[in-house]
Amino acid sequence: MQPHWLVRPRTIRILWIVFAAVLAATVAAQWLVAPQAHFEIEERFGFSAVYGFLACAAMVIGAKAIGLLLKRRDDYYDDAQRARNDRG
């Protein structure tokens, strides 16, 4: 039995190539469409791509930090259940 088409190495390589081509086309489209910038830095070539990447990276790092703050032990609810059973 063959593996699912999404986990085959050839398919993964093709998807990465298509993904990179779409990203490059999106950045290259800035040559065709003039940005309506509010600030001078927004007029720089590729600013939107860099800004989007940095914003996404900041969200991932923030989510990891929140996860560390909210993390509980694996047996967190087991202790509460044991305590209720001991009382009742």
PDB file of N, CA and C in Angstrom:
ATOM      1  N   MET A   1       0.839  -1.185   0.000  1.00  0.00           N
ATOM      2  CA  MET A   1       0.000   0.000   0.000  1.00  0.00           C
ATOM      3  C   MET A   1       0.884   1.250   0.000  1.00  0.00           C
ATOM      4  N   GLN A   2       0.578   2.158  -0.878  1.00  0.00           N
ATOM      5  CA  GLN A   2       1.380   3.378  -0.979  1.00  0.00           C
ATOM      6  C   GLN A   2       0.972   4.375   0.102  1.00  0.00           C
ATOM      7  N   PRO A   3       1.940   5.195   0.551  1.00  0.00           N
ATOM      8  CA  PRO A   3       1.593   6.219   1.539  1.00  0.00           C
ATOM      9  C   PRO A   3       0.714   7.297   0.918  1.00  0.00           C
ATOM     10  N   HIS A   4       0.041   8.026   1.763  1.00  0.00           N
ATOM     11  CA  HIS A   4      -0.821   9.115   1.291  1.00  0.00           C
ATOM     12  C   HIS A   4      -0.001  10.076   0.445  1.00  0.00           C
ATOM     13  N   TRP A   5      -0.626  10.672  -0.559  1.00  0.00           N
ATOM     14  CA  TRP A   5       0.115  11.513  -1.516  1.00  0.00           C
ATOM     15  C   TRP A   5       0.743  12.731  -0.851  1.00  0.00           C
ATOM     16  N   LEU A   6       0.212  13.204   0.260  1.00  0.00           N
ATOM     17  CA  LEU A   6       0.784  14.385   0.916  1.00  0.00           C
ATOM     18  C   LEU A   6       2.053  14.088   1.709  1.00  0.00           C
ATOM     19  N   VAL A   7       2.335  12.831   1.980  1.00  0.00           N
ATOM     20  CA  VAL A   7       3.539  12.497   2.748  1.00  0.00           C
ATOM     21  C   VAL A   7       4.654  11.919   1.881  1.00  0.00           C
ATOM     22  N   ARG A   8       4.417  11.815   0.587  1.00  0.00           N
ATOM     23  CA  ARG A   8       5.468  11.344  -0.310  1.00  0.00           C
ATOM     24  C   ARG A   8       6.520  12.432  -0.499  1.00  0.00           C
ATOM     25  N   PRO A   9       7.813  12.081  -0.472  1.00  0.00           N
ATOM     26  CA  PRO A   9       8.876  13.088  -0.621  1.00  0.00           C
ATOM     27  C   PRO A   9       8.769  13.908  -1.902  1.00  0.00           C
ATOM     28  N   ARG A  10       8.382  13.287  -3.000  1.00  0.00           N
ATOM     29  CA  ARG A  10       8.270  14.016  -4.265  1.00  0.00           C
ATOM     30  C   ARG A  10       7.179  15.083  -4.175  1.00  0.00           C
ATOM     31  N   THR A  11       6.046  14.738  -3.576  1.00  0.00           N
ATOM     32  CA  THR A  11       4.948  15.690  -3.425  1.00  0.00           C
ATOM     33  C   THR A  11       5.346  16.840  -2.508  1.00  0.00           C
ATOM     34  N   ILE A  12       6.032  16.540  -1.430  1.00  0.00           N
ATOM     35  CA  ILE A  12       6.475  17.579  -0.504  1.00  0.00           C
ATOM     36  C   ILE A  12       7.422  18.542  -1.210  1.00  0.00           C
ATOM     37  N   ARG A  13       8.336  18.022  -1.996  1.00  0.00           N
ATOM     38  CA  ARG A  13       9.272  18.866  -2.742  1.00  0.00           C
ATOM     39  C   ARG A  13       8.526  19.766  -3.730  1.00  0.00           C
ATOM     40  N   ILE A  14       7.540  19.211  -4.426  1.00  0.00           N
ATOM     41  CA  ILE A  14       6.739  20.000  -5.370  1.00  0.00           C
ATOM     42  C   ILE A  14       5.963  21.089  -4.634  1.00  0.00           C
ATOM     43  N   LEU A  15       5.384  20.753  -3.497  1.00  0.00           N
ATOM     44  CA  LEU A  15       4.633  21.749  -2.730  1.00  0.00           C
ATOM     45  C   LEU A  15       5.534  22.890  -2.257  1.00  0.00           C
ATOM     46  N   TRP A  16       6.753  22.581  -1.828  1.00  0.00           N
ATOM     47  CA  TRP A  16       7.689  23.637  -1.412  1.00  0.00           C
ATOM     48  C   TRP A  16       8.049  24.544  -2.588  1.00  0.00           C
ATOM     49  N   ILE A  17       8.255  23.946  -3.769  1.00  0.00           N
ATOM     50  CA  ILE A  17       8.586  24.744  -4.950  1.00  0.00           C
ATOM     51  C   ILE A  17       7.419  25.653  -5.321  1.00  0.00           C
ATOM     52  N   VAL A  18       6.204  25.120  -5.319  1.00  0.00           N
ATOM     53  CA  VAL A  18       5.021  25.927  -5.634  1.00  0.00           C
ATOM     54  C   VAL A  18       4.848  27.031  -4.596  1.00  0.00           C
ATOM     55  N   PHE A  19       5.018  26.707  -3.336  1.00  0.00           N
ATOM     56  CA  PHE A  19       4.896  27.681  -2.259  1.00  0.00           C
ATOM     57  C   PHE A  19       5.907  28.815  -2.434  1.00  0.00           C
ATOM     58  N   ALA A  20       7.156  28.472  -2.721  1.00  0.00           N
ATOM     59  CA  ALA A  20       8.191  29.489  -2.927  1.00  0.00           C
ATOM     60  C   ALA A  20       7.889  30.346  -4.151  1.00  0.00           C
ATOM     61  N   ALA A  21       7.371  29.732  -5.216  1.00  0.00           N
ATOM     62  CA  ALA A  21       7.039  30.493  -6.422  1.00  0.00           C
ATOM     63  C   ALA A  21       5.899  31.474  -6.162  1.00  0.00           C
ATOM     64  N   VAL A  22       4.899  31.055  -5.406  1.00  0.00           N
ATOM     65  CA  VAL A  22       3.785  31.949  -5.081  1.00  0.00           C
ATOM     66  C   VAL A  22       4.281  33.114  -4.224  1.00  0.00           C
ATOM     67  N   LEU A  23       5.137  32.830  -3.259  1.00  0.00           N
ATOM     68  CA  LEU A  23       5.688  33.903  -2.431  1.00  0.00           C
ATOM     69  C   LEU A  23       6.520  34.874  -3.262  1.00  0.00           C
ATOM     70  N   ALA A  24       7.349  34.349  -4.158  1.00  0.00           N
ATOM     71  CA  ALA A  24       8.167  35.215  -5.009  1.00  0.00           C
ATOM     72  C   ALA A  24       7.292  36.054  -5.928  1.00  0.00           C
ATOM     73  N   ALA A  25       6.228  35.467  -6.468  1.00  0.00           N
ATOM     74  CA  ALA A  25       5.319  36.213  -7.340  1.00  0.00           C
ATOM     75  C   ALA A  25       4.596  37.307  -6.562  1.00  0.00           C
ATOM     76  N   THR A  26       4.253  37.022  -5.324  1.00  0.00           N
ATOM     77  CA  THR A  26       3.586  38.024  -4.490  1.00  0.00           C
ATOM     78  C   THR A  26       4.491  39.215  -4.225  1.00  0.00           C
ATOM     79  N   VAL A  27       5.753  38.949  -3.922  1.00  0.00           N
ATOM     80  CA  VAL A  27       6.703  40.037  -3.686  1.00  0.00           C
ATOM     81  C   VAL A  27       6.998  40.771  -4.992  1.00  0.00           C
ATOM     82  N   ALA A  28       7.148  40.033  -6.081  1.00  0.00           N
ATOM     83  CA  ALA A  28       7.451  40.658  -7.372  1.00  0.00           C
ATOM     84  C   ALA A  28       6.291  41.512  -7.882  1.00  0.00           C
ATOM     85  N   ALA A  29       5.077  41.224  -7.430  1.00  0.00           N
ATOM     86  CA  ALA A  29       3.920  41.999  -7.864  1.00  0.00           C
ATOM     87  C   ALA A  29       4.015  43.449  -7.411  1.00  0.00           C
ATOM     88  N   GLN A  30       4.879  43.731  -6.458  1.00  0.00           N
ATOM     89  CA  GLN A  30       5.047  45.107  -5.998  1.00  0.00           C
ATOM     90  C   GLN A  30       5.610  45.996  -7.110  1.00  0.00           C
ATOM     91  N   TRP A  31       6.304  45.410  -8.083  1.00  0.00           N
ATOM     92  CA  TRP A  31       6.794  46.185  -9.234  1.00  0.00           C
ATOM     93  C   TRP A  31       5.626  46.645 -10.111  1.00  0.00           C
ATOM     94  N   LEU A  32       4.560  45.863 -10.134  1.00  0.00           N
ATOM     95  CA  LEU A  32       3.426  46.177 -10.996  1.00  0.00           C
ATOM     96  C   LEU A  32       2.401  47.086 -10.323  1.00  0.00           C
ATOM     97  N   VAL A  33       2.277  46.974  -9.021  1.00  0.00           N
ATOM     98  CA  VAL A  33       1.283  47.741  -8.282  1.00  0.00           C
ATOM     99  C   VAL A  33       2.013  48.642  -7.295  1.00  0.00           C
ATOM    100  N   ALA A  34       1.828  49.937  -7.438  1.00  0.00           N
ATOM    101  CA  ALA A  34       2.495  50.880  -6.546  1.00  0.00           C
ATOM    102  C   ALA A  34       1.804  50.868  -5.180  1.00  0.00           C
ATOM    103  N   PRO A  35       2.577  50.688  -4.107  1.00  0.00           N
ATOM    104  CA  PRO A  35       1.957  50.670  -2.778  1.00  0.00           C
ATOM    105  C   PRO A  35       1.480  52.059  -2.370  1.00  0.00           C
ATOM    106  N   GLN A  36       0.366  52.122  -1.692  1.00  0.00           N
ATOM    107  CA  GLN A  36      -0.138  53.380  -1.146  1.00  0.00           C
ATOM    108  C   GLN A  36       0.346  53.454   0.293  1.00  0.00           C
ATOM    109  N   ALA A  37       1.506  54.027   0.451  1.00  0.00           N
ATOM    110  CA  ALA A  37       2.172  54.012   1.748  1.00  0.00           C
ATOM    111  C   ALA A  37       1.758  55.194   2.608  1.00  0.00           C
ATOM    112  N   HIS A  38       1.644  54.924   3.886  1.00  0.00           N
ATOM    113  CA  HIS A  38       1.394  55.984   4.860  1.00  0.00           C
ATOM    114  C   HIS A  38       2.705  56.485   5.443  1.00  0.00           C
ATOM    115  N   PHE A  39       3.694  55.599   5.472  1.00  0.00           N
ATOM    116  CA  PHE A  39       5.012  55.935   5.997  1.00  0.00           C
ATOM    117  C   PHE A  39       6.055  55.628   4.931  1.00  0.00           C
ATOM    118  N   GLU A  40       7.189  56.283   5.016  1.00  0.00           N
ATOM    119  CA  GLU A  40       8.225  56.132   3.999  1.00  0.00           C
ATOM    120  C   GLU A  40       8.755  54.701   3.917  1.00  0.00           C
ATOM    121  N   ILE A  41       8.865  54.041   5.047  1.00  0.00           N
ATOM    122  CA  ILE A  41       9.430  52.680   5.055  1.00  0.00           C
ATOM    123  C   ILE A  41       8.529  51.706   4.295  1.00  0.00           C
ATOM    124  N   GLU A  42       7.245  51.972   4.229  1.00  0.00           N
ATOM    125  CA  GLU A  42       6.323  51.089   3.524  1.00  0.00           C
ATOM    126  C   GLU A  42       6.562  51.071   2.020  1.00  0.00           C
ATOM    127  N   GLU A  43       7.250  52.060   1.505  1.00  0.00           N
ATOM    128  CA  GLU A  43       7.527  52.127   0.078  1.00  0.00           C
ATOM    129  C   GLU A  43       8.690  51.241  -0.339  1.00  0.00           C
ATOM    130  N   ARG A  44       9.465  50.757   0.593  1.00  0.00           N
ATOM    131  CA  ARG A  44      10.619  49.910   0.265  1.00  0.00           C
ATOM    132  C   ARG A  44      10.145  48.581  -0.320  1.00  0.00           C
ATOM    133  N   PHE A  45      10.932  48.082  -1.264  1.00  0.00           N
ATOM    134  CA  PHE A  45      10.573  46.830  -1.939  1.00  0.00           C
ATOM    135  C   PHE A  45      10.599  45.664  -0.951  1.00  0.00           C
ATOM    136  N   GLY A  46       9.527  44.901  -0.908  1.00  0.00           N
ATOM    137  CA  GLY A  46       9.455  43.719  -0.059  1.00  0.00           C
ATOM    138  C   GLY A  46       9.123  44.008   1.392  1.00  0.00           C
ATOM    139  N   PHE A  47       8.776  45.244   1.720  1.00  0.00           N
ATOM    140  CA  PHE A  47       8.493  45.585   3.108  1.00  0.00           C
ATOM    141  C   PHE A  47       7.333  44.768   3.656  1.00  0.00           C
ATOM    142  N   SER A  48       6.274  44.620   2.882  1.00  0.00           N
ATOM    143  CA  SER A  48       5.092  43.893   3.354  1.00  0.00           C
ATOM    144  C   SER A  48       5.425  42.436   3.670  1.00  0.00           C
ATOM    145  N   ALA A  49       6.251  41.817   2.851  1.00  0.00           N
ATOM    146  CA  ALA A  49       6.629  40.427   3.085  1.00  0.00           C
ATOM    147  C   ALA A  49       7.447  40.290   4.366  1.00  0.00           C
ATOM    148  N   VAL A  50       8.408  41.180   4.550  1.00  0.00           N
ATOM    149  CA  VAL A  50       9.244  41.137   5.752  1.00  0.00           C
ATOM    150  C   VAL A  50       8.404  41.432   6.987  1.00  0.00           C
ATOM    151  N   TYR A  51       7.545  42.444   6.892  1.00  0.00           N
ATOM    152  CA  TYR A  51       6.691  42.814   8.016  1.00  0.00           C
ATOM    153  C   TYR A  51       5.754  41.662   8.382  1.00  0.00           C
ATOM    154  N   GLY A  52       5.160  41.026   7.390  1.00  0.00           N
ATOM    155  CA  GLY A  52       4.275  39.894   7.634  1.00  0.00           C
ATOM    156  C   GLY A  52       5.005  38.733   8.279  1.00  0.00           C
ATOM    157  N   PHE A  53       6.223  38.442   7.801  1.00  0.00           N
ATOM    158  CA  PHE A  53       6.998  37.357   8.388  1.00  0.00           C
ATOM    159  C   PHE A  53       7.347  37.648   9.838  1.00  0.00           C
ATOM    160  N   LEU A  54       7.797  38.872  10.113  1.00  0.00           N
ATOM    161  CA  LEU A  54       8.167  39.230  11.481  1.00  0.00           C
ATOM    162  C   LEU A  54       6.946  39.229  12.416  1.00  0.00           C
ATOM    163  N   ALA A  55       5.805  39.680  11.917  1.00  0.00           N
ATOM    164  CA  ALA A  55       4.588  39.658  12.726  1.00  0.00           C
ATOM    165  C   ALA A  55       4.176  38.224  13.044  1.00  0.00           C
ATOM    166  N   CYS A  56       4.272  37.351  12.067  1.00  0.00           N
ATOM    167  CA  CYS A  56       3.928  35.941  12.283  1.00  0.00           C
ATOM    168  C   CYS A  56       4.889  35.289  13.273  1.00  0.00           C
ATOM    169  N   ALA A  57       6.183  35.567  13.132  1.00  0.00           N
ATOM    170  CA  ALA A  57       7.167  35.023  14.055  1.00  0.00           C
ATOM    171  C   ALA A  57       6.923  35.531  15.476  1.00  0.00           C
ATOM    172  N   ALA A  58       6.556  36.809  15.612  1.00  0.00           N
ATOM    173  CA  ALA A  58       6.265  37.367  16.939  1.00  0.00           C
ATOM    174  C   ALA A  58       5.044  36.692  17.559  1.00  0.00           C
ATOM    175  N   MET A  59       4.035  36.388  16.747  1.00  0.00           N
ATOM    176  CA  MET A  59       2.852  35.701  17.272  1.00  0.00           C
ATOM    177  C   MET A  59       3.188  34.286  17.730  1.00  0.00           C
ATOM    178  N   VAL A  60       4.033  33.594  16.982  1.00  0.00           N
ATOM    179  CA  VAL A  60       4.426  32.236  17.372  1.00  0.00           C
ATOM    180  C   VAL A  60       5.210  32.272  18.680  1.00  0.00           C
ATOM    181  N   ILE A  61       6.150  33.200  18.801  1.00  0.00           N
ATOM    182  CA  ILE A  61       6.940  33.312  20.028  1.00  0.00           C
ATOM    183  C   ILE A  61       6.050  33.706  21.200  1.00  0.00           C
ATOM    184  N   GLY A  62       5.106  34.622  20.965  1.00  0.00           N
ATOM    185  CA  GLY A  62       4.168  35.006  22.016  1.00  0.00           C
ATOM    186  C   GLY A  62       3.294  33.846  22.457  1.00  0.00           C
ATOM    187  N   ALA A  63       2.839  33.044  21.512  1.00  0.00           N
ATOM    188  CA  ALA A  63       2.013  31.884  21.846  1.00  0.00           C
ATOM    189  C   ALA A  63       2.806  30.869  22.656  1.00  0.00           C
ATOM    190  N   LYS A  64       4.082  30.682  22.308  1.00  0.00           N
ATOM    191  CA  LYS A  64       4.925  29.774  23.085  1.00  0.00           C
ATOM    192  C   LYS A  64       5.093  30.284  24.511  1.00  0.00           C
ATOM    193  N   ALA A  65       5.288  31.606  24.672  1.00  0.00           N
ATOM    194  CA  ALA A  65       5.452  32.190  26.005  1.00  0.00           C
ATOM    195  C   ALA A  65       4.178  32.027  26.829  1.00  0.00           C
ATOM    196  N   ILE A  66       3.019  32.268  26.206  1.00  0.00           N
ATOM    197  CA  ILE A  66       1.755  32.087  26.921  1.00  0.00           C
ATOM    198  C   ILE A  66       1.565  30.619  27.292  1.00  0.00           C
ATOM    199  N   GLY A  67       1.972  29.723  26.399  1.00  0.00           N
ATOM    200  CA  GLY A  67       1.886  28.292  26.691  1.00  0.00           C
ATOM    201  C   GLY A  67       2.717  27.909  27.897  1.00  0.00           C
ATOM    202  N   LEU A  68       3.897  28.511  28.041  1.00  0.00           N
ATOM    203  CA  LEU A  68       4.729  28.224  29.210  1.00  0.00           C
ATOM    204  C   LEU A  68       4.074  28.726  30.495  1.00  0.00           C
ATOM    205  N   LEU A  69       3.396  29.861  30.414  1.00  0.00           N
ATOM    206  CA  LEU A  69       2.728  30.412  31.595  1.00  0.00           C
ATOM    207  C   LEU A  69       1.499  29.597  31.988  1.00  0.00           C
ATOM    208  N   LEU A  70       0.785  29.052  31.019  1.00  0.00           N
ATOM    209  CA  LEU A  70      -0.466  28.347  31.288  1.00  0.00           C
ATOM    210  C   LEU A  70      -0.303  26.840  31.409  1.00  0.00           C
ATOM    211  N   LYS A  71       0.898  26.341  31.217  1.00  0.00           N
ATOM    212  CA  LYS A  71       1.130  24.895  31.214  1.00  0.00           C
ATOM    213  C   LYS A  71       0.828  24.290  32.585  1.00  0.00           C
ATOM    214  N   ARG A  72       0.211  23.119  32.600  1.00  0.00           N
ATOM    215  CA  ARG A  72      -0.065  22.358  33.822  1.00  0.00           C
ATOM    216  C   ARG A  72       0.560  20.972  33.685  1.00  0.00           C
ATOM    217  N   ARG A  73       0.763  20.339  34.826  1.00  0.00           N
ATOM    218  CA  ARG A  73       1.301  18.975  34.819  1.00  0.00           C
ATOM    219  C   ARG A  73       0.317  18.037  34.109  1.00  0.00           C
ATOM    220  N   ASP A  74       0.817  16.919  33.620  1.00  0.00           N
ATOM    221  CA  ASP A  74      -0.044  15.969  32.925  1.00  0.00           C
ATOM    222  C   ASP A  74      -1.115  15.380  33.848  1.00  0.00           C
ATOM    223  N   ASP A  75      -0.808  15.272  35.118  1.00  0.00           N
ATOM    224  CA  ASP A  75      -1.772  14.697  36.064  1.00  0.00           C
ATOM    225  C   ASP A  75      -2.526  15.776  36.846  1.00  0.00           C
ATOM    226  N   TYR A  76      -2.625  16.967  36.309  1.00  0.00           N
ATOM    227  CA  TYR A  76      -3.268  18.094  36.995  1.00  0.00           C
ATOM    228  C   TYR A  76      -4.703  17.761  37.376  1.00  0.00           C
ATOM    229  N   TYR A  77      -5.476  17.221  36.469  1.00  0.00           N
ATOM    230  CA  TYR A  77      -6.868  16.907  36.764  1.00  0.00           C
ATOM    231  C   TYR A  77      -7.003  15.627  37.565  1.00  0.00           C
ATOM    232  N   ASP A  78      -6.047  14.728  37.478  1.00  0.00           N
ATOM    233  CA  ASP A  78      -6.099  13.507  38.269  1.00  0.00           C
ATOM    234  C   ASP A  78      -6.050  13.829  39.752  1.00  0.00           C
ATOM    235  N   ASP A  79      -5.225  14.802  40.163  1.00  0.00           N
ATOM    236  CA  ASP A  79      -5.143  15.195  41.570  1.00  0.00           C
ATOM    237  C   ASP A  79      -6.470  15.755  42.062  1.00  0.00           C
ATOM    238  N   ALA A  80      -7.132  16.569  41.256  1.00  0.00           N
ATOM    239  CA  ALA A  80      -8.417  17.139  41.649  1.00  0.00           C
ATOM    240  C   ALA A  80      -9.469  16.046  41.774  1.00  0.00           C
ATOM    241  N   GLN A  81      -9.445  15.085  40.868  1.00  0.00           N
ATOM    242  CA  GLN A  81     -10.401  13.975  40.928  1.00  0.00           C
ATOM    243  C   GLN A  81     -10.155  13.132  42.167  1.00  0.00           C
ATOM    244  N   ARG A  82      -8.895  12.858  42.500  1.00  0.00           N
ATOM    245  CA  ARG A  82      -8.567  12.090  43.710  1.00  0.00           C
ATOM    246  C   ARG A  82      -9.030  12.808  44.961  1.00  0.00           C
ATOM    247  N   ALA A  83      -8.832  14.121  44.998  1.00  0.00           N
ATOM    248  CA  ALA A  83      -9.235  14.894  46.166  1.00  0.00           C
ATOM    249  C   ALA A  83     -10.742  14.859  46.344  1.00  0.00           C
ATOM    250  N   ARG A  84     -11.499  14.916  45.252  1.00  0.00           N
ATOM    251  CA  ARG A  84     -12.969  14.830  45.354  1.00  0.00           C
ATOM    252  C   ARG A  84     -13.404  13.450  45.825  1.00  0.00           C
ATOM    253  N   ASN A  85     -12.726  12.420  45.339  1.00  0.00           N
ATOM    254  CA  ASN A  85     -13.092  11.056  45.761  1.00  0.00           C
ATOM    255  C   ASN A  85     -12.751  10.824  47.221  1.00  0.00           C
ATOM    256  N   ASP A  86     -11.682  11.435  47.711  1.00  0.00           N
ATOM    257  CA  ASP A  86     -11.303  11.272  49.108  1.00  0.00           C
ATOM    258  C   ASP A  86     -12.311  11.955  50.034  1.00  0.00           C
ATOM    259  N   ARG A  87     -12.856  13.088  49.609  1.00  0.00           N
ATOM    260  CA  ARG A  87     -13.821  13.823  50.419  1.00  0.00           C
ATOM    261  C   ARG A  87     -15.183  13.120  50.436  1.00  0.00           C
ATOM    262  N   GLY A  88     -15.558  12.552  49.331  1.00  0.00           N
ATOM    263  CA  GLY A  88     -16.926  12.034  49.196  1.00  0.00           C
ATOM    264  C   GLY A  88     -16.993  10.593  49.391  1.00  0.00           C
TER     265      GLY A  88
END
